[in-house]
């Protein structure tokens, strides 16, 4: 059986103060080439140190309302992913309840 590798690339252009001005990403397997993004959250699990490592980026022109929606959608996706990974329906529903609360407090719905 042959193994296949896949790359996801992020390119971040910063200003003189190292603040992101532009983010582009590519994922060949997904047919995405140099697509522009205003924000990106990337988390990886370090199994040796038992901690989550992350990169949180957003461009300086990312609108606050878009950031709120980005957070909300990320939280909802995390609750779905948590369920798929653990089959813990009770905690997944608890997380979704928080997402509803989050959206309500920010008038997103």
C-alpha atoms as a PDB file:
ATOM      1  CA  UNK A   1       0.000   0.000   0.000  1.00  0.00           C
ATOM      2  CA  UNK A   2       1.464   3.375  -0.957  1.00  0.00           C
ATOM      3  CA  UNK A   3       1.176   6.329   1.374  1.00  0.00           C
ATOM      4  CA  UNK A   4       0.111   9.752   0.225  1.00  0.00           C
ATOM      5  CA  UNK A   5       1.018  13.041   1.817  1.00  0.00           C
ATOM      6  CA  UNK A   6      -1.049  16.181   1.725  1.00  0.00           C
ATOM      7  CA  UNK A   7      -0.041  19.773   2.411  1.00  0.00           C
ATOM      8  CA  UNK A   8      -2.018  22.708   3.714  1.00  0.00           C
ATOM      9  CA  UNK A   9      -0.071  25.950   3.421  1.00  0.00           C
ATOM     10  CA  UNK A  10      -0.644  29.309   5.087  1.00  0.00           C
ATOM     11  CA  UNK A  11       1.166  32.407   3.873  1.00  0.00           C
ATOM     12  CA  UNK A  12       1.037  35.445   6.139  1.00  0.00           C
ATOM     13  CA  UNK A  13       2.131  38.883   4.958  1.00  0.00           C
ATOM     14  CA  UNK A  14       2.844  41.276   7.817  1.00  0.00           C
ATOM     15  CA  UNK A  15       3.515  44.960   8.197  1.00  0.00           C
ATOM     16  CA  UNK A  16       6.673  46.401   9.758  1.00  0.00           C
ATOM     17  CA  UNK A  17       5.276  45.607  13.242  1.00  0.00           C
ATOM     18  CA  UNK A  18       4.638  41.952  12.320  1.00  0.00           C
ATOM     19  CA  UNK A  19       0.859  42.467  12.305  1.00  0.00           C
ATOM     20  CA  UNK A  20      -0.839  40.355   9.622  1.00  0.00           C
ATOM     21  CA  UNK A  21      -2.027  42.330   6.617  1.00  0.00           C
ATOM     22  CA  UNK A  22      -2.875  39.408   4.360  1.00  0.00           C
ATOM     23  CA  UNK A  23      -3.420  35.676   4.833  1.00  0.00           C
ATOM     24  CA  UNK A  24      -3.625  33.226   1.955  1.00  0.00           C
ATOM     25  CA  UNK A  25      -3.941  29.467   2.101  1.00  0.00           C
ATOM     26  CA  UNK A  26      -3.689  26.548  -0.245  1.00  0.00           C
ATOM     27  CA  UNK A  27      -4.843  22.941   0.030  1.00  0.00           C
ATOM     28  CA  UNK A  28      -4.099  21.044  -3.165  1.00  0.00           C
ATOM     29  CA  UNK A  29      -6.302  18.064  -2.244  1.00  0.00           C
ATOM     30  CA  UNK A  30      -9.207  20.452  -1.690  1.00  0.00           C
ATOM     31  CA  UNK A  31      -8.629  22.348  -4.918  1.00  0.00           C
ATOM     32  CA  UNK A  32      -7.772  25.549  -3.056  1.00  0.00           C
ATOM     33  CA  UNK A  33      -4.896  27.659  -4.317  1.00  0.00           C
ATOM     34  CA  UNK A  34      -3.887  30.957  -2.685  1.00  0.00           C
ATOM     35  CA  UNK A  35      -7.366  31.704  -1.329  1.00  0.00           C
ATOM     36  CA  UNK A  36      -7.498  34.838   0.785  1.00  0.00           C
ATOM     37  CA  UNK A  37      -8.641  34.621   4.398  1.00  0.00           C
ATOM     38  CA  UNK A  38      -9.082  37.279   7.064  1.00  0.00           C
ATOM     39  CA  UNK A  39      -8.440  34.915   9.998  1.00  0.00           C
ATOM     40  CA  UNK A  40      -7.133  31.449  10.816  1.00  0.00           C
ATOM     41  CA  UNK A  41      -7.048  29.287  13.926  1.00  0.00           C
ATOM     42  CA  UNK A  42      -4.779  26.261  13.822  1.00  0.00           C
ATOM     43  CA  UNK A  43      -4.430  23.838  16.726  1.00  0.00           C
ATOM     44  CA  UNK A  44      -2.203  20.803  16.970  1.00  0.00           C
ATOM     45  CA  UNK A  45      -1.913  18.295  19.801  1.00  0.00           C
ATOM     46  CA  UNK A  46       1.542  17.678  21.241  1.00  0.00           C
ATOM     47  CA  UNK A  47       1.146  14.153  22.581  1.00  0.00           C
ATOM     48  CA  UNK A  48       4.490  14.267  24.389  1.00  0.00           C
ATOM     49  CA  UNK A  49       3.807  17.385  26.463  1.00  0.00           C
ATOM     50  CA  UNK A  50       0.028  16.712  26.487  1.00  0.00           C
ATOM     51  CA  UNK A  51      -0.859  20.222  25.412  1.00  0.00           C
ATOM     52  CA  UNK A  52      -2.560  21.991  22.590  1.00  0.00           C
ATOM     53  CA  UNK A  53      -0.353  24.259  20.505  1.00  0.00           C
ATOM     54  CA  UNK A  54      -1.990  26.883  18.392  1.00  0.00           C
ATOM     55  CA  UNK A  55      -1.617  29.706  15.954  1.00  0.00           C
ATOM     56  CA  UNK A  56      -4.328  32.370  16.023  1.00  0.00           C
ATOM     57  CA  UNK A  57      -4.078  34.945  13.251  1.00  0.00           C
ATOM     58  CA  UNK A  58      -6.290  37.667  11.885  1.00  0.00           C
ATOM     59  CA  UNK A  59      -5.639  40.587   9.594  1.00  0.00           C
ATOM     60  CA  UNK A  60      -5.760  44.096  10.929  1.00  0.00           C
ATOM     61  CA  UNK A  61      -8.714  44.886   8.646  1.00  0.00           C
ATOM     62  CA  UNK A  62     -10.849  41.967   9.932  1.00  0.00           C
ATOM     63  CA  UNK A  63     -14.193  43.525  10.944  1.00  0.00           C
ATOM     64  CA  UNK A  64     -15.257  42.899  14.558  1.00  0.00           C
ATOM     65  CA  UNK A  65     -18.670  41.582  13.441  1.00  0.00           C
ATOM     66  CA  UNK A  66     -16.940  39.069  11.173  1.00  0.00           C
ATOM     67  CA  UNK A  67     -14.646  38.040  14.038  1.00  0.00           C
ATOM     68  CA  UNK A  68     -17.659  37.434  16.285  1.00  0.00           C
ATOM     69  CA  UNK A  69     -19.275  35.250  13.633  1.00  0.00           C
ATOM     70  CA  UNK A  70     -15.982  33.449  13.023  1.00  0.00           C
ATOM     71  CA  UNK A  71     -15.707  32.618  16.733  1.00  0.00           C
ATOM     72  CA  UNK A  72     -19.324  31.476  16.889  1.00  0.00           C
ATOM     73  CA  UNK A  73     -19.005  29.206  13.859  1.00  0.00           C
ATOM     74  CA  UNK A  74     -15.687  27.841  15.172  1.00  0.00           C
ATOM     75  CA  UNK A  75     -17.266  27.006  18.531  1.00  0.00           C
ATOM     76  CA  UNK A  76     -20.203  25.226  16.841  1.00  0.00           C
ATOM     77  CA  UNK A  77     -17.795  23.263  14.649  1.00  0.00           C
ATOM     78  CA  UNK A  78     -15.737  22.323  17.712  1.00  0.00           C
ATOM     79  CA  UNK A  79     -18.832  20.905  19.429  1.00  0.00           C
ATOM     80  CA  UNK A  80     -19.599  18.816  16.329  1.00  0.00           C
ATOM     81  CA  UNK A  81     -15.990  17.633  16.099  1.00  0.00           C
ATOM     82  CA  UNK A  82     -15.941  16.820  19.805  1.00  0.00           C
ATOM     83  CA  UNK A  83     -18.998  14.600  19.348  1.00  0.00           C
ATOM     84  CA  UNK A  84     -17.522  12.809  16.310  1.00  0.00           C
ATOM     85  CA  UNK A  85     -14.283  12.193  18.226  1.00  0.00           C
ATOM     86  CA  UNK A  86     -15.788  11.093  21.561  1.00  0.00           C
ATOM     87  CA  UNK A  87     -19.451  10.176  20.989  1.00  0.00           C
ATOM     88  CA  UNK A  88     -20.108  12.191  24.189  1.00  0.00           C
ATOM     89  CA  UNK A  89     -23.551  13.491  23.301  1.00  0.00           C
ATOM     90  CA  UNK A  90     -24.230  15.102  26.681  1.00  0.00           C
ATOM     91  CA  UNK A  91     -21.120  17.301  26.634  1.00  0.00           C
ATOM     92  CA  UNK A  92     -21.546  18.067  22.953  1.00  0.00           C
ATOM     93  CA  UNK A  93     -25.069  19.339  23.645  1.00  0.00           C
ATOM     94  CA  UNK A  94     -23.745  21.358  26.597  1.00  0.00           C
ATOM     95  CA  UNK A  95     -21.204  22.951  24.290  1.00  0.00           C
ATOM     96  CA  UNK A  96     -23.969  23.761  21.770  1.00  0.00           C
ATOM     97  CA  UNK A  97     -26.012  25.346  24.569  1.00  0.00           C
ATOM     98  CA  UNK A  98     -23.054  27.620  25.231  1.00  0.00           C
ATOM     99  CA  UNK A  99     -22.850  28.400  21.498  1.00  0.00           C
ATOM    100  CA  UNK A 100     -26.509  29.428  21.550  1.00  0.00           C
ATOM    101  CA  UNK A 101     -25.841  31.623  24.602  1.00  0.00           C
ATOM    102  CA  UNK A 102     -22.787  33.141  22.862  1.00  0.00           C
ATOM    103  CA  UNK A 103     -24.817  33.928  19.732  1.00  0.00           C
ATOM    104  CA  UNK A 104     -27.664  35.371  21.757  1.00  0.00           C
ATOM    105  CA  UNK A 105     -25.394  37.684  23.781  1.00  0.00           C
ATOM    106  CA  UNK A 106     -23.727  38.945  20.594  1.00  0.00           C
ATOM    107  CA  UNK A 107     -27.013  39.217  18.664  1.00  0.00           C
ATOM    108  CA  UNK A 108     -25.763  36.846  15.992  1.00  0.00           C
ATOM    109  CA  UNK A 109     -29.044  35.002  15.504  1.00  0.00           C
END
